[in-house]
């Protein structure tokens, strides 16, 4: 957006300040060990089972159907893997269609649909529980849900789209996939399951990025300072 404003309207760069909304790093952080253990018991997930989370809300634009199509390929080599889908503000009708699809593919017993709205702290528990999370729309901005996953240490598996190039690099701190290719999605999930040692390295990079660029409290202070400066120059 900054580049567009400079190029299209000839605005000087020093007059354009980027202040992103950010996320609450006091909530979205590593930890929640007791809550994770309790949640696994509630959901009936084995303590040692790999967990993959779809934390974008239940809607077609987030390619939920491609994720479900990828599940059989993952289960062929890692049959204990659990897949969790969070509806959020998405469609109940679409969620029901996805449940039927999971039943048709005979993977319903490995899927869990969270059909209620959950709090930010609850989402942080889900992200801490997940080995990897999926955000694979065909087009998007850099959503806060991706930042939340990065801050909690879950491995990002995302679409290969320009918006995600802002902070993510394929094989360095995330994995990029074609959202229309379930086999490719499955391959990246399997790689994360079979190489748990990469998780800490990805987290170290991602946490630093979010702390430096997307800390809600720090960005709110920047916005407050900006308003004060504008008022002082009236």
C-alpha atoms as a PDB file:
ATOM      1  CA  UNK A   1       0.000   0.000   0.000  1.00  0.00           C
ATOM      2  CA  UNK A   2       2.835   2.388   0.835  1.00  0.00           C
ATOM      3  CA  UNK A   3       4.466   1.758  -2.543  1.00  0.00           C
ATOM      4  CA  UNK A   4       1.135   2.303  -4.280  1.00  0.00           C
ATOM      5  CA  UNK A   5       0.598   5.665  -2.568  1.00  0.00           C
ATOM      6  CA  UNK A   6       4.082   6.850  -3.481  1.00  0.00           C
ATOM      7  CA  UNK A   7       3.821   5.711  -7.108  1.00  0.00           C
ATOM      8  CA  UNK A   8       0.227   6.731  -7.800  1.00  0.00           C
ATOM      9  CA  UNK A   9      -0.054  10.010  -5.902  1.00  0.00           C
ATOM     10  CA  UNK A  10       3.589  11.063  -5.617  1.00  0.00           C
ATOM     11  CA  UNK A  11       3.428  11.278  -1.833  1.00  0.00           C
ATOM     12  CA  UNK A  12       6.782  11.597  -0.026  1.00  0.00           C
ATOM     13  CA  UNK A  13       7.721   8.390   1.774  1.00  0.00           C
ATOM     14  CA  UNK A  14       8.447  10.198   5.051  1.00  0.00           C
ATOM     15  CA  UNK A  15       4.794  11.287   5.170  1.00  0.00           C
ATOM     16  CA  UNK A  16       3.525   7.706   5.106  1.00  0.00           C
ATOM     17  CA  UNK A  17       3.665   5.800   8.374  1.00  0.00           C
ATOM     18  CA  UNK A  18       2.814   2.097   8.521  1.00  0.00           C
ATOM     19  CA  UNK A  19       1.190   1.217  11.834  1.00  0.00           C
ATOM     20  CA  UNK A  20      -0.246  -2.330  11.667  1.00  0.00           C
ATOM     21  CA  UNK A  21      -2.961  -3.449  14.046  1.00  0.00           C
ATOM     22  CA  UNK A  22      -0.847  -6.280  15.503  1.00  0.00           C
ATOM     23  CA  UNK A  23      -1.732  -8.968  18.042  1.00  0.00           C
ATOM     24  CA  UNK A  24      -1.655  -9.255  21.832  1.00  0.00           C
ATOM     25  CA  UNK A  25       1.627 -10.989  22.648  1.00  0.00           C
ATOM     26  CA  UNK A  26       0.555 -11.426  26.250  1.00  0.00           C
ATOM     27  CA  UNK A  27      -2.079 -13.862  24.988  1.00  0.00           C
ATOM     28  CA  UNK A  28      -0.448 -15.313  21.895  1.00  0.00           C
ATOM     29  CA  UNK A  29       2.710 -16.895  23.220  1.00  0.00           C
ATOM     30  CA  UNK A  30       4.178 -20.299  23.927  1.00  0.00           C
ATOM     31  CA  UNK A  31       2.997 -22.056  27.053  1.00  0.00           C
ATOM     32  CA  UNK A  32      -0.476 -23.196  28.180  1.00  0.00           C
ATOM     33  CA  UNK A  33       0.839 -26.700  28.889  1.00  0.00           C
ATOM     34  CA  UNK A  34      -1.883 -27.651  31.361  1.00  0.00           C
ATOM     35  CA  UNK A  35      -4.596 -26.222  29.111  1.00  0.00           C
ATOM     36  CA  UNK A  36      -3.240 -28.145  26.111  1.00  0.00           C
ATOM     37  CA  UNK A  37      -3.288 -31.439  28.028  1.00  0.00           C
ATOM     38  CA  UNK A  38      -6.836 -30.764  29.207  1.00  0.00           C
ATOM     39  CA  UNK A  39      -8.021 -29.836  25.707  1.00  0.00           C
ATOM     40  CA  UNK A  40      -6.594 -33.037  24.232  1.00  0.00           C
ATOM     41  CA  UNK A  41      -8.547 -35.033  26.796  1.00  0.00           C
ATOM     42  CA  UNK A  42     -11.760 -33.145  26.010  1.00  0.00           C
ATOM     43  CA  UNK A  43     -11.311 -33.676  22.260  1.00  0.00           C
ATOM     44  CA  UNK A  44     -10.285 -37.316  22.657  1.00  0.00           C
ATOM     45  CA  UNK A  45      -6.874 -36.800  21.045  1.00  0.00           C
ATOM     46  CA  UNK A  46      -3.971 -39.005  22.137  1.00  0.00           C
ATOM     47  CA  UNK A  47      -1.188 -37.169  23.915  1.00  0.00           C
ATOM     48  CA  UNK A  48       1.361 -38.201  21.272  1.00  0.00           C
ATOM     49  CA  UNK A  49      -0.806 -37.600  18.186  1.00  0.00           C
ATOM     50  CA  UNK A  50       0.336 -35.022  15.608  1.00  0.00           C
ATOM     51  CA  UNK A  51      -2.169 -32.177  15.359  1.00  0.00           C
ATOM     52  CA  UNK A  52      -2.915 -29.935  12.379  1.00  0.00           C
ATOM     53  CA  UNK A  53      -5.104 -26.867  12.865  1.00  0.00           C
ATOM     54  CA  UNK A  54      -7.150 -24.904  10.340  1.00  0.00           C
ATOM     55  CA  UNK A  55      -7.584 -21.604  12.176  1.00  0.00           C
ATOM     56  CA  UNK A  56      -9.200 -19.581   9.371  1.00  0.00           C
ATOM     57  CA  UNK A  57     -12.941 -19.410   9.681  1.00  0.00           C
ATOM     58  CA  UNK A  58     -15.224 -21.856   7.921  1.00  0.00           C
ATOM     59  CA  UNK A  59     -15.701 -20.397   4.440  1.00  0.00           C
ATOM     60  CA  UNK A  60     -14.905 -21.512   0.865  1.00  0.00           C
ATOM     61  CA  UNK A  61     -12.278 -18.786   0.297  1.00  0.00           C
ATOM     62  CA  UNK A  62      -9.998 -20.440   2.849  1.00  0.00           C
ATOM     63  CA  UNK A  63      -9.879 -23.640   0.789  1.00  0.00           C
ATOM     64  CA  UNK A  64     -11.121 -25.830   3.653  1.00  0.00           C
ATOM     65  CA  UNK A  65     -12.190 -28.417   1.081  1.00  0.00           C
ATOM     66  CA  UNK A  66      -8.600 -28.789  -0.170  1.00  0.00           C
ATOM     67  CA  UNK A  67      -7.429 -29.365   3.396  1.00  0.00           C
ATOM     68  CA  UNK A  68      -9.979 -32.151   3.856  1.00  0.00           C
ATOM     69  CA  UNK A  69      -8.965 -33.652   0.515  1.00  0.00           C
ATOM     70  CA  UNK A  70      -5.383 -33.755   1.820  1.00  0.00           C
ATOM     71  CA  UNK A  71      -6.254 -35.707   4.971  1.00  0.00           C
ATOM     72  CA  UNK A  72      -6.343 -39.223   3.428  1.00  0.00           C
ATOM     73  CA  UNK A  73      -2.833 -38.760   2.033  1.00  0.00           C
ATOM     74  CA  UNK A  74      -1.526 -37.787   5.470  1.00  0.00           C
ATOM     75  CA  UNK A  75      -3.269 -40.658   7.223  1.00  0.00           C
ATOM     76  CA  UNK A  76      -1.698 -43.219   4.902  1.00  0.00           C
ATOM     77  CA  UNK A  77       1.646 -42.688   6.633  1.00  0.00           C
ATOM     78  CA  UNK A  78       0.569 -41.083   9.930  1.00  0.00           C
ATOM     79  CA  UNK A  79      -2.753 -42.635  10.863  1.00  0.00           C
ATOM     80  CA  UNK A  80      -2.947 -41.047  14.309  1.00  0.00           C
ATOM     81  CA  UNK A  81      -2.887 -37.449  13.026  1.00  0.00           C
ATOM     82  CA  UNK A  82      -5.766 -35.249  14.183  1.00  0.00           C
ATOM     83  CA  UNK A  83      -7.153 -32.363  12.115  1.00  0.00           C
ATOM     84  CA  UNK A  84      -9.000 -29.532  13.851  1.00  0.00           C
ATOM     85  CA  UNK A  85     -11.213 -26.982  12.082  1.00  0.00           C
ATOM     86  CA  UNK A  86     -12.426 -23.806  13.784  1.00  0.00           C
ATOM     87  CA  UNK A  87     -15.665 -22.363  12.406  1.00  0.00           C
ATOM     88  CA  UNK A  88     -15.296 -18.895  13.915  1.00  0.00           C
ATOM     89  CA  UNK A  89     -17.616 -16.472  12.106  1.00  0.00           C
ATOM     90  CA  UNK A  90     -17.952 -18.869   9.195  1.00  0.00           C
ATOM     91  CA  UNK A  91     -20.983 -20.655   7.821  1.00  0.00           C
ATOM     92  CA  UNK A  92     -22.682 -23.513   9.657  1.00  0.00           C
ATOM     93  CA  UNK A  93     -24.057 -24.728   6.314  1.00  0.00           C
ATOM     94  CA  UNK A  94     -20.574 -24.845   4.803  1.00  0.00           C
ATOM     95  CA  UNK A  95     -19.237 -26.576   7.901  1.00  0.00           C
ATOM     96  CA  UNK A  96     -21.899 -29.272   7.566  1.00  0.00           C
ATOM     97  CA  UNK A  97     -20.893 -29.802   3.947  1.00  0.00           C
ATOM     98  CA  UNK A  98     -17.285 -30.261   5.029  1.00  0.00           C
ATOM     99  CA  UNK A  99     -18.336 -32.743   7.711  1.00  0.00           C
ATOM    100  CA  UNK A 100     -20.184 -34.750   5.068  1.00  0.00           C
ATOM    101  CA  UNK A 101     -17.114 -34.624   2.852  1.00  0.00           C
ATOM    102  CA  UNK A 102     -14.956 -35.949   5.689  1.00  0.00           C
ATOM    103  CA  UNK A 103     -17.429 -38.796   6.189  1.00  0.00           C
ATOM    104  CA  UNK A 104     -17.410 -39.589   2.472  1.00  0.00           C
ATOM    105  CA  UNK A 105     -13.592 -39.750   2.490  1.00  0.00           C
ATOM    106  CA  UNK A 106     -13.775 -41.925   5.641  1.00  0.00           C
ATOM    107  CA  UNK A 107     -11.654 -39.511   7.690  1.00  0.00           C
ATOM    108  CA  UNK A 108     -14.374 -38.143   9.979  1.00  0.00           C
ATOM    109  CA  UNK A 109     -12.909 -39.949  12.988  1.00  0.00           C
ATOM    110  CA  UNK A 110      -9.677 -37.974  12.503  1.00  0.00           C
ATOM    111  CA  UNK A 111     -11.364 -34.571  12.234  1.00  0.00           C
ATOM    112  CA  UNK A 112     -12.729 -32.284  14.908  1.00  0.00           C
ATOM    113  CA  UNK A 113     -14.937 -29.294  14.063  1.00  0.00           C
ATOM    114  CA  UNK A 114     -15.096 -26.529  16.673  1.00  0.00           C
ATOM    115  CA  UNK A 115     -18.510 -25.046  15.961  1.00  0.00           C
ATOM    116  CA  UNK A 116     -18.550 -22.295  18.567  1.00  0.00           C
ATOM    117  CA  UNK A 117     -16.864 -18.918  18.819  1.00  0.00           C
ATOM    118  CA  UNK A 118     -13.756 -19.145  20.970  1.00  0.00           C
ATOM    119  CA  UNK A 119     -11.853 -16.506  22.894  1.00  0.00           C
ATOM    120  CA  UNK A 120      -8.377 -15.284  21.900  1.00  0.00           C
ATOM    121  CA  UNK A 121      -6.907 -17.179  24.847  1.00  0.00           C
ATOM    122  CA  UNK A 122      -8.656 -20.367  23.757  1.00  0.00           C
ATOM    123  CA  UNK A 123      -7.242 -19.878  20.264  1.00  0.00           C
ATOM    124  CA  UNK A 124      -3.776 -19.540  21.777  1.00  0.00           C
ATOM    125  CA  UNK A 125      -4.276 -22.932  23.447  1.00  0.00           C
ATOM    126  CA  UNK A 126      -5.302 -24.516  20.131  1.00  0.00           C
ATOM    127  CA  UNK A 127      -2.254 -23.004  18.417  1.00  0.00           C
ATOM    128  CA  UNK A 128       0.057 -24.265  21.144  1.00  0.00           C
ATOM    129  CA  UNK A 129      -1.467 -27.707  20.762  1.00  0.00           C
ATOM    130  CA  UNK A 130      -0.963 -27.763  16.969  1.00  0.00           C
ATOM    131  CA  UNK A 131       2.232 -28.934  15.317  1.00  0.00           C
ATOM    132  CA  UNK A 132       1.273 -26.947  12.212  1.00  0.00           C
ATOM    133  CA  UNK A 133      -1.521 -24.637  11.132  1.00  0.00           C
ATOM    134  CA  UNK A 134      -2.984 -24.099   7.655  1.00  0.00           C
ATOM    135  CA  UNK A 135      -3.904 -20.810   6.014  1.00  0.00           C
ATOM    136  CA  UNK A 136      -4.302 -21.423   2.291  1.00  0.00           C
ATOM    137  CA  UNK A 137      -6.624 -18.884   0.620  1.00  0.00           C
ATOM    138  CA  UNK A 138      -6.009 -18.076  -3.040  1.00  0.00           C
ATOM    139  CA  UNK A 139      -5.854 -14.376  -2.198  1.00  0.00           C
ATOM    140  CA  UNK A 140      -5.515 -12.638   1.156  1.00  0.00           C
ATOM    141  CA  UNK A 141      -3.959  -9.955   3.262  1.00  0.00           C
ATOM    142  CA  UNK A 142      -1.518 -10.968   6.003  1.00  0.00           C
ATOM    143  CA  UNK A 143      -4.212 -12.021   8.460  1.00  0.00           C
ATOM    144  CA  UNK A 144      -3.850 -11.728  12.208  1.00  0.00           C
ATOM    145  CA  UNK A 145      -4.617 -15.444  12.510  1.00  0.00           C
ATOM    146  CA  UNK A 146      -1.333 -16.197  10.734  1.00  0.00           C
ATOM    147  CA  UNK A 147       0.524 -13.858  13.084  1.00  0.00           C
ATOM    148  CA  UNK A 148      -1.114 -15.564  16.071  1.00  0.00           C
ATOM    149  CA  UNK A 149       0.115 -18.948  14.889  1.00  0.00           C
ATOM    150  CA  UNK A 150       3.623 -17.585  14.338  1.00  0.00           C
ATOM    151  CA  UNK A 151       3.706 -16.100  17.843  1.00  0.00           C
ATOM    152  CA  UNK A 152       2.570 -19.371  19.444  1.00  0.00           C
ATOM    153  CA  UNK A 153       5.187 -21.523  17.703  1.00  0.00           C
ATOM    154  CA  UNK A 154       2.998 -23.572  15.379  1.00  0.00           C
ATOM    155  CA  UNK A 155       4.516 -24.158  11.918  1.00  0.00           C
ATOM    156  CA  UNK A 156       2.804 -22.047   9.220  1.00  0.00           C
ATOM    157  CA  UNK A 157       1.675 -23.864   6.062  1.00  0.00           C
ATOM    158  CA  UNK A 158       0.358 -21.117   3.806  1.00  0.00           C
ATOM    159  CA  UNK A 159      -0.581 -20.285   0.227  1.00  0.00           C
ATOM    160  CA  UNK A 160       2.155 -19.213  -2.133  1.00  0.00           C
ATOM    161  CA  UNK A 161       0.746 -15.698  -2.504  1.00  0.00           C
ATOM    162  CA  UNK A 162       2.346 -12.270  -2.379  1.00  0.00           C
ATOM    163  CA  UNK A 163       0.739 -11.191   0.905  1.00  0.00           C
ATOM    164  CA  UNK A 164       2.655 -13.837   2.845  1.00  0.00           C
ATOM    165  CA  UNK A 165       6.033 -12.850   1.383  1.00  0.00           C
ATOM    166  CA  UNK A 166       6.020  -9.912   3.780  1.00  0.00           C
ATOM    167  CA  UNK A 167       7.297 -12.027   6.679  1.00  0.00           C
ATOM    168  CA  UNK A 168       7.494 -15.639   5.504  1.00  0.00           C
ATOM    169  CA  UNK A 169      10.073 -17.559   3.470  1.00  0.00           C
ATOM    170  CA  UNK A 170       9.478 -21.049   2.139  1.00  0.00           C
ATOM    171  CA  UNK A 171      11.453 -23.632   4.100  1.00  0.00           C
ATOM    172  CA  UNK A 172      12.891 -20.967   6.408  1.00  0.00           C
ATOM    173  CA  UNK A 173       9.997 -20.041   8.689  1.00  0.00           C
ATOM    174  CA  UNK A 174       6.993 -21.445   6.807  1.00  0.00           C
ATOM    175  CA  UNK A 175       5.987 -23.796   4.008  1.00  0.00           C
ATOM    176  CA  UNK A 176       4.240 -22.503   0.892  1.00  0.00           C
ATOM    177  CA  UNK A 177       1.737 -24.659  -0.976  1.00  0.00           C
ATOM    178  CA  UNK A 178      -0.629 -24.510  -3.912  1.00  0.00           C
ATOM    179  CA  UNK A 179      -4.081 -24.316  -2.267  1.00  0.00           C
ATOM    180  CA  UNK A 180      -5.578 -26.347  -5.115  1.00  0.00           C
ATOM    181  CA  UNK A 181      -3.190 -29.270  -4.687  1.00  0.00           C
ATOM    182  CA  UNK A 182      -4.187 -31.574  -1.791  1.00  0.00           C
ATOM    183  CA  UNK A 183      -1.196 -33.861  -2.378  1.00  0.00           C
ATOM    184  CA  UNK A 184       1.197 -30.941  -1.982  1.00  0.00           C
ATOM    185  CA  UNK A 185      -0.597 -29.803   1.177  1.00  0.00           C
ATOM    186  CA  UNK A 186      -0.313 -33.333   2.555  1.00  0.00           C
ATOM    187  CA  UNK A 187       3.409 -33.508   1.707  1.00  0.00           C
ATOM    188  CA  UNK A 188       4.119 -30.385   3.746  1.00  0.00           C
ATOM    189  CA  UNK A 189       2.036 -31.632   6.660  1.00  0.00           C
ATOM    190  CA  UNK A 190       3.882 -34.964   6.595  1.00  0.00           C
ATOM    191  CA  UNK A 191       7.228 -33.175   6.489  1.00  0.00           C
ATOM    192  CA  UNK A 192       6.308 -31.203   9.612  1.00  0.00           C
ATOM    193  CA  UNK A 193       5.243 -34.391  11.386  1.00  0.00           C
ATOM    194  CA  UNK A 194       8.411 -36.247  10.428  1.00  0.00           C
ATOM    195  CA  UNK A 195      10.764 -33.355  11.240  1.00  0.00           C
ATOM    196  CA  UNK A 196       9.644 -32.008  14.624  1.00  0.00           C
ATOM    197  CA  UNK A 197      13.121 -30.542  15.144  1.00  0.00           C
ATOM    198  CA  UNK A 198      12.335 -27.658  12.736  1.00  0.00           C
ATOM    199  CA  UNK A 199       9.605 -26.265  14.977  1.00  0.00           C
ATOM    200  CA  UNK A 200      11.888 -24.448  17.415  1.00  0.00           C
ATOM    201  CA  UNK A 201      13.916 -22.868  14.608  1.00  0.00           C
ATOM    202  CA  UNK A 202      10.797 -21.613  12.845  1.00  0.00           C
ATOM    203  CA  UNK A 203       9.456 -20.283  16.137  1.00  0.00           C
ATOM    204  CA  UNK A 204      12.641 -18.339  16.927  1.00  0.00           C
ATOM    205  CA  UNK A 205      12.394 -16.512  13.599  1.00  0.00           C
ATOM    206  CA  UNK A 206       8.647 -15.966  13.710  1.00  0.00           C
ATOM    207  CA  UNK A 207       8.408 -14.789  17.291  1.00  0.00           C
ATOM    208  CA  UNK A 208      11.095 -12.180  16.658  1.00  0.00           C
ATOM    209  CA  UNK A 209       9.260 -10.903  13.578  1.00  0.00           C
ATOM    210  CA  UNK A 210       5.977 -10.544  15.449  1.00  0.00           C
ATOM    211  CA  UNK A 211       7.609  -8.929  18.491  1.00  0.00           C
ATOM    212  CA  UNK A 212       9.379  -6.371  16.299  1.00  0.00           C
ATOM    213  CA  UNK A 213       6.582  -5.651  13.808  1.00  0.00           C
ATOM    214  CA  UNK A 214       3.195  -6.758  15.095  1.00  0.00           C
ATOM    215  CA  UNK A 215       3.054  -6.129  18.860  1.00  0.00           C
ATOM    216  CA  UNK A 216      -0.389  -4.620  19.436  1.00  0.00           C
ATOM    217  CA  UNK A 217       0.645  -2.710  22.561  1.00  0.00           C
ATOM    218  CA  UNK A 218       3.669  -1.148  20.885  1.00  0.00           C
ATOM    219  CA  UNK A 219       1.706  -0.270  17.766  1.00  0.00           C
ATOM    220  CA  UNK A 220      -1.045   1.302  19.855  1.00  0.00           C
ATOM    221  CA  UNK A 221       1.570   3.514  21.506  1.00  0.00           C
ATOM    222  CA  UNK A 222       2.851   4.528  18.058  1.00  0.00           C
ATOM    223  CA  UNK A 223      -0.662   5.460  16.989  1.00  0.00           C
ATOM    224  CA  UNK A 224      -1.192   7.478  20.165  1.00  0.00           C
ATOM    225  CA  UNK A 225       2.056   9.343  19.563  1.00  0.00           C
ATOM    226  CA  UNK A 226       1.043  10.039  15.963  1.00  0.00           C
ATOM    227  CA  UNK A 227      -2.266  11.584  17.058  1.00  0.00           C
ATOM    228  CA  UNK A 228      -0.531  13.745  19.678  1.00  0.00           C
ATOM    229  CA  UNK A 229       1.941  15.013  17.090  1.00  0.00           C
ATOM    230  CA  UNK A 230      -0.869  15.828  14.657  1.00  0.00           C
ATOM    231  CA  UNK A 231      -2.787  17.716  17.349  1.00  0.00           C
ATOM    232  CA  UNK A 232       0.354  19.620  18.373  1.00  0.00           C
ATOM    233  CA  UNK A 233       0.829  20.792  14.769  1.00  0.00           C
ATOM    234  CA  UNK A 234      -2.717  22.051  14.232  1.00  0.00           C
END
